[in-house]
Protein backbone atom coordinates (compact mmCIF):
# COMPACT_ATOMS: atom_id res chain seq x y z
CA MET A 1 -15.33 23.94 16.68
CA ASN A 2 -14.30 22.26 13.46
CA SER A 3 -17.03 22.27 10.82
CA ILE A 4 -16.41 18.63 10.15
CA ARG A 5 -18.35 17.78 13.35
CA GLY A 6 -21.48 19.00 11.40
CA TRP A 7 -21.29 15.82 9.11
CA ARG A 8 -22.69 13.80 12.04
CA GLY A 9 -25.63 11.76 10.65
CA LEU A 10 -25.41 13.11 7.09
CA SER A 11 -23.79 10.15 5.51
CA MET A 12 -24.62 6.37 5.76
CA SER A 13 -22.47 4.12 7.94
CA LYS A 14 -19.57 2.53 6.11
CA LYS A 15 -18.48 -0.94 6.68
CA ILE A 16 -14.82 -1.63 7.08
CA THR A 17 -13.36 -5.24 7.26
CA LEU A 18 -10.27 -5.56 9.35
CA LEU A 19 -7.68 -8.18 8.61
CA PRO A 20 -5.02 -7.96 11.26
CA GLY A 21 -3.20 -11.01 9.87
CA ASP A 22 0.10 -12.19 11.38
CA GLY A 23 3.18 -10.85 13.17
CA ILE A 24 2.84 -7.21 14.10
CA GLY A 25 -0.40 -7.02 12.10
CA SER A 26 -2.66 -7.10 15.19
CA GLU A 27 -0.67 -4.35 16.99
CA ILE A 28 -0.63 -1.84 14.09
CA VAL A 29 -4.31 -2.39 13.07
CA ALA A 30 -5.22 -1.82 16.79
CA GLU A 31 -3.77 1.70 16.57
CA ALA A 32 -5.66 2.34 13.34
CA VAL A 33 -8.87 1.23 15.05
CA LYS A 34 -8.21 3.79 17.82
CA LEU A 35 -8.11 6.38 15.02
CA LEU A 36 -11.34 5.16 13.43
CA GLN A 37 -13.14 5.25 16.83
CA CYS A 38 -11.94 8.77 17.28
CA LEU A 39 -13.52 9.68 13.97
CA LYS A 40 -16.75 8.02 15.00
CA GLN A 41 -16.83 9.73 18.49
CA ASP A 42 -15.39 13.12 17.80
CA PHE A 43 -16.09 13.84 14.12
CA GLY A 44 -19.38 11.97 13.54
CA PHE A 45 -17.98 9.61 10.93
CA GLU A 46 -20.41 6.57 11.14
CA VAL A 47 -18.55 3.41 10.69
CA GLU A 48 -18.97 -0.33 11.39
CA LEU A 49 -15.85 -2.57 12.04
CA GLU A 50 -15.68 -6.26 11.80
CA SER A 51 -12.44 -8.37 12.05
CA ALA A 52 -11.57 -11.60 10.04
CA ALA A 53 -8.59 -13.92 9.62
CA ILE A 54 -6.19 -13.92 6.74
CA GLY A 55 -2.78 -15.42 6.00
CA GLY A 56 -1.24 -17.55 8.65
CA ALA A 57 -4.09 -16.67 11.02
CA GLY A 58 -6.49 -17.86 8.37
CA TYR A 59 -4.75 -21.10 7.88
CA ASP A 60 -4.74 -21.55 11.75
CA GLN A 61 -8.43 -21.05 11.88
CA SER A 62 -9.71 -22.95 8.81
CA GLY A 63 -6.75 -24.66 7.05
CA GLN A 64 -6.76 -21.97 4.19
CA PRO A 65 -4.89 -18.69 4.06
CA LEU A 66 -8.11 -16.99 2.87
CA PRO A 67 -11.14 -18.47 4.54
CA ASP A 68 -14.46 -18.29 2.79
CA SER A 69 -15.79 -16.42 5.55
CA THR A 70 -13.20 -13.78 5.27
CA LEU A 71 -13.68 -13.34 1.50
CA ALA A 72 -17.45 -13.04 2.04
CA LEU A 73 -17.08 -10.33 4.59
CA CYS A 74 -14.59 -8.44 2.42
CA LYS A 75 -16.95 -8.55 -0.55
CA GLN A 76 -19.74 -6.87 1.58
CA ALA A 77 -17.38 -4.16 2.87
CA ASP A 78 -16.99 -0.57 1.60
CA ALA A 79 -13.33 -0.98 2.33
CA ILE A 80 -10.77 -3.30 3.82
CA LEU A 81 -7.89 -2.51 6.14
CA MET A 82 -5.10 -5.04 6.50
CA GLY A 83 -2.02 -5.40 8.73
CA SER A 84 0.40 -7.91 7.39
CA VAL A 85 0.72 -11.62 6.55
CA GLY A 86 3.50 -14.17 6.97
CA GLY A 87 5.74 -16.01 9.59
CA PRO A 88 8.47 -18.54 9.70
CA GLN A 89 6.11 -21.10 11.12
CA TYR A 90 4.40 -21.24 7.83
CA GLU A 91 7.28 -21.55 5.43
CA SER A 92 7.14 -25.36 5.36
CA LEU A 93 3.52 -25.39 4.12
CA ASP A 94 2.71 -26.21 0.54
CA ARG A 95 2.95 -23.05 -1.54
CA GLU A 96 -0.87 -22.67 -1.96
CA LEU A 97 -1.30 -22.78 1.80
CA ARG A 98 1.32 -20.09 2.73
CA PRO A 99 -0.05 -16.80 4.14
CA GLU A 100 1.10 -14.75 1.12
CA ARG A 101 -1.16 -16.85 -1.10
CA GLY A 102 -4.21 -15.60 0.92
CA LEU A 103 -3.34 -12.04 0.02
CA LEU A 104 -2.84 -12.88 -3.68
CA GLN A 105 -6.21 -14.80 -3.70
CA LEU A 106 -7.89 -11.78 -2.06
CA ARG A 107 -6.45 -9.33 -4.58
CA ALA A 108 -7.54 -11.44 -7.57
CA SER A 109 -10.97 -12.34 -6.17
CA LEU A 110 -11.92 -8.62 -5.61
CA GLU A 111 -10.00 -7.58 -8.93
CA LEU A 112 -7.89 -5.08 -7.04
CA PHE A 113 -5.77 -4.37 -10.09
CA SER A 114 -4.34 -0.79 -9.17
CA ASN A 115 -1.92 -0.72 -6.49
CA LEU A 116 -1.06 2.92 -5.30
CA ARG A 117 2.20 3.07 -3.29
CA PRO A 118 3.18 6.78 -2.33
CA ALA A 119 6.78 7.53 -1.41
CA LEU A 120 6.42 10.67 0.60
CA LEU A 121 9.27 12.08 2.73
CA TYR A 122 8.12 13.98 5.65
CA PRO A 123 10.49 17.03 6.17
CA GLN A 124 10.97 16.11 9.75
CA LEU A 125 12.47 12.78 8.71
CA VAL A 126 14.95 13.98 6.08
CA ASN A 127 17.83 12.87 8.09
CA ALA A 128 16.55 9.41 8.30
CA SER A 129 16.71 8.85 4.49
CA SER A 130 19.67 6.90 3.18
CA LEU A 131 20.45 9.51 0.65
CA LYS A 132 21.68 13.10 0.89
CA PRO A 133 19.02 15.61 2.14
CA GLU A 134 19.43 17.61 -1.14
CA LEU A 135 18.58 14.67 -3.11
CA VAL A 136 15.33 13.69 -1.19
CA SER A 137 13.96 16.76 0.46
CA GLY A 138 10.60 17.32 -0.88
CA LEU A 139 10.27 13.89 -2.24
CA ASP A 140 6.70 12.96 -3.36
CA ILE A 141 6.34 10.12 -5.79
CA MET A 142 3.23 7.81 -6.48
CA ILE A 143 4.02 4.42 -7.81
CA VAL A 144 0.98 2.76 -9.58
CA ARG A 145 1.71 -1.06 -9.77
CA GLU A 146 -0.34 -3.54 -11.82
CA LEU A 147 -1.50 -5.92 -9.14
CA THR A 148 -3.44 -8.82 -10.44
CA GLY A 149 -1.64 -9.77 -13.78
CA GLY A 150 1.96 -10.36 -14.74
CA ILE A 151 4.44 -12.90 -13.65
CA TYR A 152 2.84 -13.37 -10.20
CA PHE A 153 -0.32 -14.90 -11.69
CA GLY A 154 0.76 -16.00 -15.14
CA GLU A 155 0.20 -19.55 -16.44
CA PRO A 156 1.95 -22.12 -16.85
CA ARG A 157 3.86 -22.03 -13.71
CA GLY A 158 5.72 -24.61 -11.43
CA ILE A 159 8.66 -26.76 -10.91
CA ARG A 160 9.12 -29.91 -12.95
CA GLU A 161 11.73 -32.68 -13.48
CA LEU A 162 13.55 -32.74 -16.76
CA GLU A 163 14.63 -36.08 -18.50
CA ASN A 164 18.09 -35.78 -17.06
CA GLY A 165 16.74 -35.66 -13.54
CA GLU A 166 17.44 -31.90 -13.03
CA ARG A 167 14.65 -29.69 -11.69
CA GLU A 168 13.55 -26.65 -13.64
CA GLY A 169 11.38 -23.80 -12.28
CA PHE A 170 9.36 -21.69 -14.59
CA ASN A 171 6.83 -18.76 -14.54
CA THR A 172 5.07 -16.90 -17.22
CA MET A 173 4.95 -13.15 -17.43
CA VAL A 174 1.66 -12.30 -19.44
CA TYR A 175 -0.44 -9.34 -19.89
CA ALA A 176 -3.52 -8.96 -22.03
CA GLU A 177 -4.18 -5.71 -23.75
CA HIS A 178 -7.13 -4.75 -21.50
CA GLU A 179 -5.05 -5.36 -18.25
CA VAL A 180 -2.42 -2.85 -19.40
CA ASP A 181 -5.07 -0.31 -20.63
CA ARG A 182 -6.93 -0.25 -17.28
CA ILE A 183 -3.67 0.35 -15.22
CA ALA A 184 -2.40 2.94 -17.64
CA ARG A 185 -5.70 4.85 -17.35
CA SER A 186 -5.60 4.62 -13.51
CA ALA A 187 -2.14 6.09 -13.62
CA PHE A 188 -3.09 8.75 -16.05
CA ASP A 189 -6.08 9.78 -13.91
CA ILE A 190 -3.78 10.07 -10.91
CA ALA A 191 -1.23 12.02 -12.84
CA MET A 192 -4.03 14.46 -13.82
CA LEU A 193 -4.54 15.09 -10.10
CA ARG A 194 -0.80 15.76 -9.43
CA ASN A 195 1.77 17.32 -11.62
CA ARG A 196 0.61 15.79 -14.97
CA LYS A 197 3.78 13.73 -15.49
CA LEU A 198 3.79 9.97 -15.93
CA CYS A 199 6.79 7.63 -16.47
CA SER A 200 5.94 4.17 -17.62
CA VAL A 201 8.65 1.52 -16.58
CA ASP A 202 9.12 -1.69 -18.56
CA LYS A 203 11.72 -3.71 -20.26
CA ALA A 204 10.58 -3.42 -23.90
CA ASN A 205 14.25 -3.92 -25.22
CA VAL A 206 14.04 -7.51 -24.09
CA LEU A 207 10.61 -8.71 -23.38
CA GLU A 208 7.74 -8.96 -25.78
CA VAL A 209 5.22 -8.48 -23.09
CA SER A 210 6.80 -5.08 -22.40
CA GLU A 211 6.55 -4.19 -26.13
CA LEU A 212 2.90 -4.66 -25.79
CA TRP A 213 2.82 -2.79 -22.59
CA ARG A 214 4.42 0.20 -24.12
CA ASP A 215 2.15 0.18 -27.13
CA VAL A 216 -0.97 0.10 -25.14
CA VAL A 217 0.28 2.86 -22.70
CA GLU A 218 1.03 5.06 -25.76
CA ASP A 219 -2.52 4.31 -27.05
CA ALA A 220 -4.10 5.43 -23.72
CA ALA A 221 -1.85 8.49 -23.62
CA GLY A 222 -3.96 9.92 -26.58
CA ASP A 223 -6.80 10.56 -24.24
CA TYR A 224 -4.70 12.41 -21.76
CA PRO A 225 -2.95 15.14 -23.91
CA GLU A 226 -2.39 17.27 -20.74
CA VAL A 227 -0.08 14.59 -19.21
CA ALA A 228 3.64 14.32 -20.26
CA LEU A 229 4.42 10.68 -20.83
CA SER A 230 7.98 9.08 -20.71
CA HIS A 231 9.22 5.59 -20.81
CA MET A 232 12.09 4.06 -18.88
CA TYR A 233 13.59 0.44 -18.71
CA ILE A 234 13.36 -1.07 -15.24
CA ASP A 235 17.13 -1.29 -14.75
CA ASN A 236 17.57 2.41 -15.50
CA ALA A 237 14.53 3.31 -13.42
CA SER A 238 15.95 1.52 -10.33
CA MET A 239 19.24 3.36 -10.88
CA GLN A 240 17.45 6.76 -11.36
CA LEU A 241 15.41 6.26 -8.05
CA VAL A 242 18.73 6.47 -6.03
CA ARG A 243 20.47 8.93 -8.30
CA ALA A 244 17.83 11.59 -8.81
CA PRO A 245 14.54 10.41 -7.29
CA LYS A 246 12.77 13.87 -7.64
CA GLN A 247 12.78 13.61 -11.35
CA PHE A 248 9.66 11.29 -10.88
CA ASP A 249 6.14 12.17 -10.14
CA VAL A 250 3.85 9.22 -11.00
CA ILE A 251 5.42 5.92 -12.14
CA VAL A 252 3.26 3.12 -13.76
CA THR A 253 4.54 -0.34 -14.12
CA ALA A 254 4.04 -4.15 -14.13
CA ASN A 255 3.44 -6.20 -10.90
CA MET A 256 7.02 -7.51 -10.40
CA PHE A 257 8.79 -4.28 -11.38
CA GLY A 258 6.39 -2.21 -9.18
CA ASP A 259 7.11 -4.58 -6.10
CA ILE A 260 10.76 -3.93 -6.49
CA LEU A 261 10.59 -0.28 -7.30
CA SER A 262 8.26 0.66 -4.40
CA ASP A 263 10.43 -0.90 -1.79
CA THR A 264 13.46 0.97 -3.15
CA ALA A 265 11.51 4.17 -3.04
CA ALA A 266 10.32 3.43 0.53
CA MET A 267 13.90 3.49 1.78
CA LEU A 268 14.32 6.93 0.38
CA THR A 269 11.71 8.10 2.83
CA GLY A 270 13.70 7.03 5.89
CA SER A 271 11.61 3.92 6.84
CA ILE A 272 9.29 1.38 5.24
CA GLY A 273 7.24 1.76 8.38
CA MET A 274 6.07 5.17 7.22
CA LEU A 275 4.47 4.16 3.87
CA PRO A 276 0.81 3.19 3.19
CA SER A 277 -0.68 1.59 0.03
CA ALA A 278 -4.07 1.17 -1.56
CA SER A 279 -5.17 -1.57 -3.95
CA LEU A 280 -8.30 -0.61 -5.98
CA ASP A 281 -10.84 -2.06 -8.33
CA LYS A 282 -12.43 -0.30 -11.10
CA ASP A 283 -15.04 1.26 -8.84
CA GLY A 284 -12.69 2.49 -6.25
CA LYS A 285 -13.27 -0.08 -3.64
CA GLY A 286 -10.08 -0.96 -2.04
CA LEU A 287 -7.76 -2.91 0.30
CA TYR A 288 -5.46 -0.71 2.35
CA GLU A 289 -2.22 -1.79 4.06
CA PRO A 290 1.14 -0.71 5.03
CA ILE A 291 3.78 -1.78 2.69
CA HIS A 292 6.04 -3.44 5.19
CA GLY A 293 5.95 -7.08 6.22
CA SER A 294 4.86 -8.87 9.27
CA ALA A 295 8.17 -8.45 11.14
CA PRO A 296 7.71 -11.60 13.38
CA ASP A 297 11.06 -10.82 15.15
CA ILE A 298 9.53 -7.61 16.79
CA ALA A 299 5.82 -8.93 17.21
CA GLY A 300 4.44 -8.37 20.58
CA LYS A 301 7.15 -6.08 21.72
CA ASN A 302 5.36 -2.65 21.23
CA ILE A 303 7.97 -1.33 19.03
CA ALA A 304 6.48 -1.47 15.44
CA ASN A 305 5.63 1.78 13.71
CA PRO A 306 1.99 2.14 13.18
CA LEU A 307 2.19 5.28 11.11
CA ALA A 308 1.96 3.36 7.60
CA THR A 309 -1.19 1.72 8.80
CA ILE A 310 -2.60 5.01 10.09
CA LEU A 311 -1.79 6.76 6.86
CA SER A 312 -3.45 3.69 5.04
CA VAL A 313 -6.58 4.80 6.95
CA ALA A 314 -6.10 8.22 5.43
CA MET A 315 -5.69 6.70 2.02
CA MET A 316 -8.92 4.72 2.60
CA LEU A 317 -10.92 7.60 3.52
CA ARG A 318 -9.56 9.58 0.51
CA TYR A 319 -10.14 6.99 -2.28
CA SER A 320 -12.82 4.58 -1.26
CA LEU A 321 -15.00 6.46 1.38
CA LYS A 322 -14.86 9.84 -0.32
CA GLN A 323 -13.97 11.73 2.92
CA ALA A 324 -11.05 13.85 1.80
CA GLY A 325 -11.48 16.28 4.61
CA LEU A 326 -10.96 13.60 7.23
CA ALA A 327 -8.12 12.20 5.24
CA ASP A 328 -6.41 15.57 5.27
CA LEU A 329 -6.95 15.85 8.99
CA ILE A 330 -5.15 12.53 9.58
CA ASP A 331 -2.34 13.55 7.43
CA THR A 332 -1.93 16.80 9.32
CA ALA A 333 -2.11 14.93 12.70
CA VAL A 334 0.78 12.69 11.69
CA GLY A 335 2.84 15.61 10.68
CA ASN A 336 1.98 17.36 13.83
CA VAL A 337 3.09 14.30 15.95
CA LEU A 338 6.39 14.26 14.06
CA ASN A 339 6.81 17.90 14.77
CA GLN A 340 6.35 17.25 18.41
CA GLY A 341 9.33 14.77 18.31
CA PHE A 342 7.50 11.52 18.59
CA ARG A 343 9.47 8.63 16.90
CA THR A 344 9.29 5.08 16.90
CA ALA A 345 12.64 2.94 16.86
CA ASP A 346 12.76 2.75 13.08
CA ILE A 347 12.90 6.53 12.65
CA ALA A 348 14.45 7.48 15.98
CA ASP A 349 17.87 8.28 14.34
CA GLY A 350 19.64 7.38 17.58
CA GLY A 351 17.23 9.38 19.91
CA ASN A 352 14.58 8.43 22.30
CA SER A 353 11.76 6.40 20.77
CA VAL A 354 8.15 5.61 21.90
CA GLY A 355 6.17 2.45 21.46
CA THR A 356 3.60 1.30 18.97
CA ALA A 357 0.66 2.19 21.25
CA GLU A 358 2.16 5.52 22.50
CA MET A 359 2.62 6.57 18.88
CA GLY A 360 -1.05 5.65 18.04
CA ASN A 361 -2.19 7.54 21.12
CA ALA A 362 -0.23 10.62 20.15
CA VAL A 363 -1.81 10.63 16.58
CA VAL A 364 -5.26 10.35 18.15
CA ALA A 365 -4.50 13.26 20.56
CA ALA A 366 -3.21 15.34 17.65
CA LEU A 367 -6.48 14.53 15.70
CA ARG A 368 -8.74 15.50 18.49
CA ALA A 369 -6.77 18.78 19.05
CA LEU A 370 -7.48 19.56 15.31
CA GLY A 371 -11.05 18.86 15.87
CA ASP A 372 -11.19 21.27 18.86
CA SER A 373 -9.40 24.10 17.01
């Protein structure tokens, strides 16, 4: 019997807020809940789960994409697991009422400034990547994206009418020194746990805000002499990700640049449906979610890939709940399921595929098998 069972009752119960959101969110979070219930029943991991509305579901419930009750529940939780937000029925709403604003408000309210986005290619899926196997086999990159500053939050912003009657849109990319310093140190800390190699991506040849970014990152590097620091412009970095992606280990970058690079890196792994993410505050409390969207076109069809959400649970256990052993078991269970040939449609590569629920059930069965071994 696995020694992990001996942990029963040794730790206080953890509170997890579930935010299914919109589109496929409820389907993929349901599979994560199966996993958490398995951890509770078979491995003695004491957990309390409570659901709340966000995004379009929040607007439907209370007229706001982030209801006050949802924010209060998230503040009380030890960790938060989210599905996805957004849908075409909300696109005509005022910008501040759209589903995505609820997620941005949650990140800002909880000061979740450090976004971890791994791009890990499972060997079983090497043929699903858009690049040649020799370029991506063994790929394992961690992108650390600053999440609560930059152009997504900078002021002033808006759309105004000029004297000639033409409309002009404007946004402000702004970073204070302390914002850059804390995300840089977050990335350096992660690099210390990996291969001690960090690439900072900016646009310092054009943007003054990137000049400051580079200066502050260089200053922080003095406290991490074991980490090899390099710098790269965003345009070159995006090219290098598809030319020779394995040159990277940890990448740290600004909010907008990280949004773009992480989605590029996602496709190197075969499917955006395979990739989890974590958004952490200074104390390690986090919001965990798959990096893909709400996919309203496939909602309710039992074909969405739940593995990114399941792997987000593993990240949650590792980074916020300090249960690395359980996280390792989930990672192993997912690998074992892929070895057994289970594939959802997005990674089926022309072969037979299973549905959302069937994939979730397979991972739970694989996890239980590890516990019994």
